[in-house]
C-alpha atoms as a PDB file:
ATOM      1  CA  MET A   1     -11.565 214.361 291.959  1.00  0.00           C
ATOM      2  CA  TRP A   2     -11.078 214.465 288.227  1.00  0.00           C
ATOM      3  CA  ASN A   3     -13.152 211.968 286.276  1.00  0.00           C
ATOM      4  CA  ALA A   4     -14.982 210.441 289.224  1.00  0.00           C
ATOM      5  CA  PRO A   5     -16.418 207.052 288.218  1.00  0.00           C
ATOM      6  CA  SER A   6     -20.122 206.991 287.411  1.00  0.00           C
ATOM      7  CA  GLU A   7     -22.634 205.020 289.444  1.00  0.00           C
ATOM      8  CA  LYS A   8     -23.023 202.696 286.452  1.00  0.00           C
ATOM      9  CA  ARG A   9     -19.293 202.014 286.416  1.00  0.00           C
ATOM     10  CA  LEU A  10     -19.193 201.505 290.188  1.00  0.00           C
ATOM     11  CA  SER A  11     -22.101 199.054 289.987  1.00  0.00           C
ATOM     12  CA  LYS A  12     -19.995 196.705 287.837  1.00  0.00           C
ATOM     13  CA  ILE A  13     -17.364 196.204 290.564  1.00  0.00           C
ATOM     14  CA  PRO A  14     -17.750 193.025 292.661  1.00  0.00           C
ATOM     15  CA  ARG A  15     -18.922 193.620 296.215  1.00  0.00           C
ATOM     16  CA  MET A  16     -16.611 193.172 299.187  1.00  0.00           C
ATOM     17  CA  TYR A  17     -15.274 189.648 299.677  1.00  0.00           C
ATOM     18  CA  GLU A  18     -16.787 188.318 296.444  1.00  0.00           C
ATOM     19  CA  THR A  19     -13.303 187.740 295.010  1.00  0.00           C
ATOM     20  CA  GLU A  20     -11.490 186.625 298.151  1.00  0.00           C
ATOM     21  CA  ASP A  21     -11.088 183.089 296.765  1.00  0.00           C
ATOM     22  CA  VAL A  22      -9.687 184.397 293.468  1.00  0.00           C
ATOM     23  CA  PRO A  23      -5.865 184.349 293.297  1.00  0.00           C
ATOM     24  CA  SER A  24      -4.383 187.861 293.367  1.00  0.00           C
ATOM     25  CA  ALA A  25      -3.064 187.582 289.807  1.00  0.00           C
ATOM     26  CA  ASP A  26      -6.557 186.720 288.528  1.00  0.00           C
ATOM     27  CA  LYS A  27      -8.507 189.445 290.358  1.00  0.00           C
ATOM     28  CA  LEU A  28     -10.086 191.845 287.880  1.00  0.00           C
ATOM     29  CA  VAL A  29      -9.042 195.474 288.321  1.00  0.00           C
ATOM     30  CA  HIS A  30     -12.032 197.685 287.532  1.00  0.00           C
ATOM     31  CA  LEU A  31     -10.705 201.158 288.344  1.00  0.00           C
ATOM     32  CA  HIS A  32      -7.331 202.869 288.402  1.00  0.00           C
ATOM     33  CA  PHE A  33      -6.975 206.020 290.505  1.00  0.00           C
ATOM     34  CA  PHE A  34      -3.735 207.967 290.375  1.00  0.00           C
ATOM     35  CA  ILE A  35      -1.892 211.138 291.286  1.00  0.00           C
ATOM     36  CA  GLY A  36       1.830 211.753 290.983  1.00  0.00           C
ATOM     37  CA  GLY A  37       3.621 208.525 291.897  1.00  0.00           C
ATOM     38  CA  CYS A  38       0.570 207.015 293.624  1.00  0.00           C
ATOM     39  CA  ASP A  39      -1.705 204.362 292.126  1.00  0.00           C
ATOM     40  CA  TRP A  40      -4.783 202.624 293.509  1.00  0.00           C
ATOM     41  CA  TYR A  41      -6.164 199.630 291.597  1.00  0.00           C
ATOM     42  CA  THR A  42      -9.638 198.590 292.734  1.00  0.00           C
ATOM     43  CA  VAL A  43     -11.090 195.080 292.599  1.00  0.00           C
ATOM     44  CA  GLU A  44     -14.001 195.242 295.086  1.00  0.00           C
ATOM     45  CA  TYR A  45     -16.392 197.925 296.332  1.00  0.00           C
ATOM     46  CA  ASP A  46     -18.775 197.915 299.284  1.00  0.00           C
ATOM     47  CA  GLY A  47     -21.326 199.954 297.322  1.00  0.00           C
ATOM     48  CA  GLU A  48     -20.952 202.965 299.612  1.00  0.00           C
ATOM     49  CA  ASP A  49     -17.526 204.327 300.457  1.00  0.00           C
ATOM     50  CA  THR A  50     -14.799 201.671 300.580  1.00  0.00           C
ATOM     51  CA  PHE A  51     -12.729 199.927 297.926  1.00  0.00           C
ATOM     52  CA  PHE A  52     -10.461 196.911 298.208  1.00  0.00           C
ATOM     53  CA  GLY A  53      -7.503 196.773 295.904  1.00  0.00           C
ATOM     54  CA  TYR A  54      -3.806 197.308 295.478  1.00  0.00           C
ATOM     55  CA  ALA A  55      -2.009 200.537 296.367  1.00  0.00           C
ATOM     56  CA  ILE A  56       1.427 201.813 295.431  1.00  0.00           C
ATOM     57  CA  LEU A  57       2.138 205.090 297.210  1.00  0.00           C
ATOM     58  CA  ASN A  58       4.865 207.492 296.097  1.00  0.00           C
ATOM     59  CA  GLY A  59       6.358 204.840 293.829  1.00  0.00           C
ATOM     60  CA  ASP A  60       7.395 202.764 296.860  1.00  0.00           C
ATOM     61  CA  TYR A  61       7.150 199.240 295.469  1.00  0.00           C
ATOM     62  CA  ASP A  62       8.585 197.724 298.651  1.00  0.00           C
ATOM     63  CA  MET A  63       5.654 198.968 300.738  1.00  0.00           C
ATOM     64  CA  ALA A  64       2.909 198.433 298.126  1.00  0.00           C
ATOM     65  CA  GLU A  65       0.067 196.231 299.343  1.00  0.00           C
ATOM     66  CA  TRP A  66      -3.450 194.889 299.011  1.00  0.00           C
ATOM     67  CA  GLY A  67      -5.885 196.625 301.328  1.00  0.00           C
ATOM     68  CA  TYR A  68      -8.819 198.968 301.801  1.00  0.00           C
ATOM     69  CA  VAL A  69      -9.109 202.589 300.758  1.00  0.00           C
ATOM     70  CA  SER A  70     -11.789 205.141 301.527  1.00  0.00           C
ATOM     71  CA  PHE A  71     -13.502 206.560 298.440  1.00  0.00           C
ATOM     72  CA  PRO A  72     -14.294 209.877 300.218  1.00  0.00           C
ATOM     73  CA  GLU A  73     -10.636 210.212 301.253  1.00  0.00           C
ATOM     74  CA  LEU A  74      -9.468 209.617 297.679  1.00  0.00           C
ATOM     75  CA  LYS A  75     -11.854 212.347 296.541  1.00  0.00           C
ATOM     76  CA  GLU A  76     -10.379 214.783 299.088  1.00  0.00           C
ATOM     77  CA  ILE A  77      -6.739 214.426 298.036  1.00  0.00           C
ATOM     78  CA  ASN A  78      -5.547 217.710 296.610  1.00  0.00           C
ATOM     79  CA  ILE A  79      -1.883 218.540 296.177  1.00  0.00           C
ATOM     80  CA  ARG A  80      -1.396 222.179 295.267  1.00  0.00           C
ATOM     81  CA  GLY A  81      -4.569 222.191 293.195  1.00  0.00           C
ATOM     82  CA  ILE A  82      -4.049 218.788 291.598  1.00  0.00           C
ATOM     83  CA  GLU A  83      -6.616 216.129 292.468  1.00  0.00           C
ATOM     84  CA  VAL A  84      -6.693 212.356 292.229  1.00  0.00           C
ATOM     85  CA  ASP A  85      -7.833 211.190 288.812  1.00  0.00           C
ATOM     86  CA  CYS A  86      -9.758 208.069 287.860  1.00  0.00           C
ATOM     87  CA  GLU A  87      -8.638 206.721 284.514  1.00  0.00           C
ATOM     88  CA  LEU A  88     -11.466 207.121 282.032  1.00  0.00           C
ATOM     89  CA  GLU A  89     -13.357 204.034 280.941  1.00  0.00           C
ATOM     90  CA  GLU A  90     -12.300 204.493 277.319  1.00  0.00           C
ATOM     91  CA  TYR A  91      -8.637 204.317 278.405  1.00  0.00           C
ATOM     92  CA  TRP A  92      -8.898 201.703 281.154  1.00  0.00           C
ATOM     93  CA  ASP A  93      -9.882 198.175 280.186  1.00  0.00           C
ATOM     94  CA  VAL A  94     -10.863 195.902 283.049  1.00  0.00           C
ATOM     95  CA  ARG A  95      -8.000 193.422 283.279  1.00  0.00           C
ATOM     96  CA  LYS A  96      -6.414 190.905 285.595  1.00  0.00           C
ATOM     97  CA  ALA A  97      -4.054 192.255 288.242  1.00  0.00           C
ATOM     98  CA  GLY A  98      -1.354 189.976 286.843  1.00  0.00           C
ATOM     99  CA  GLU A  99      -1.505 191.899 283.566  1.00  0.00           C
ATOM    100  CA  ILE A 100      -0.632 195.222 285.231  1.00  0.00           C
ATOM    101  CA  ALA A 101       3.122 195.823 285.188  1.00  0.00           C
ATOM    102  CA  LYS A 102       3.226 197.962 288.333  1.00  0.00           C
ATOM    103  CA  ILE A 103       1.412 195.320 290.371  1.00  0.00           C
ATOM    104  CA  ARG A 104       3.696 192.569 289.076  1.00  0.00           C
ATOM    105  CA  GLU A 105       6.877 194.605 289.581  1.00  0.00           C
ATOM    106  CA  SER A 106       5.960 195.516 293.157  1.00  0.00           C
ATOM    107  CA  GLY A 107       5.248 191.914 294.162  1.00  0.00           C
ATOM    108  CA  GLY A 108       1.459 192.191 294.353  1.00  0.00           C
ATOM    109  CA  ILE A 109       0.941 188.806 292.704  1.00  0.00           C
END
């Protein structure tokens, strides 16, 4: 994985179920992982190996959804030598899901 998030950065993400009462549009997205036409926006972390967030795979907005993703599996993705990237902290500001165009356009809020 390119630019894997640091432990310090991971520690700032709410733990699982801490935001379940927060409306989807108001959930804070802490990390953005991407490769090709795939995006994973994370809002919760179990502190070990699982994220909860919003995924858009292969640009398929109709099938995009909120759900769980395995951190180790994200790290293992490699397509012809290209790995999943985590947007660097200096380029990714924590923001509400409703402020992210791809989430809005795919019906995630």
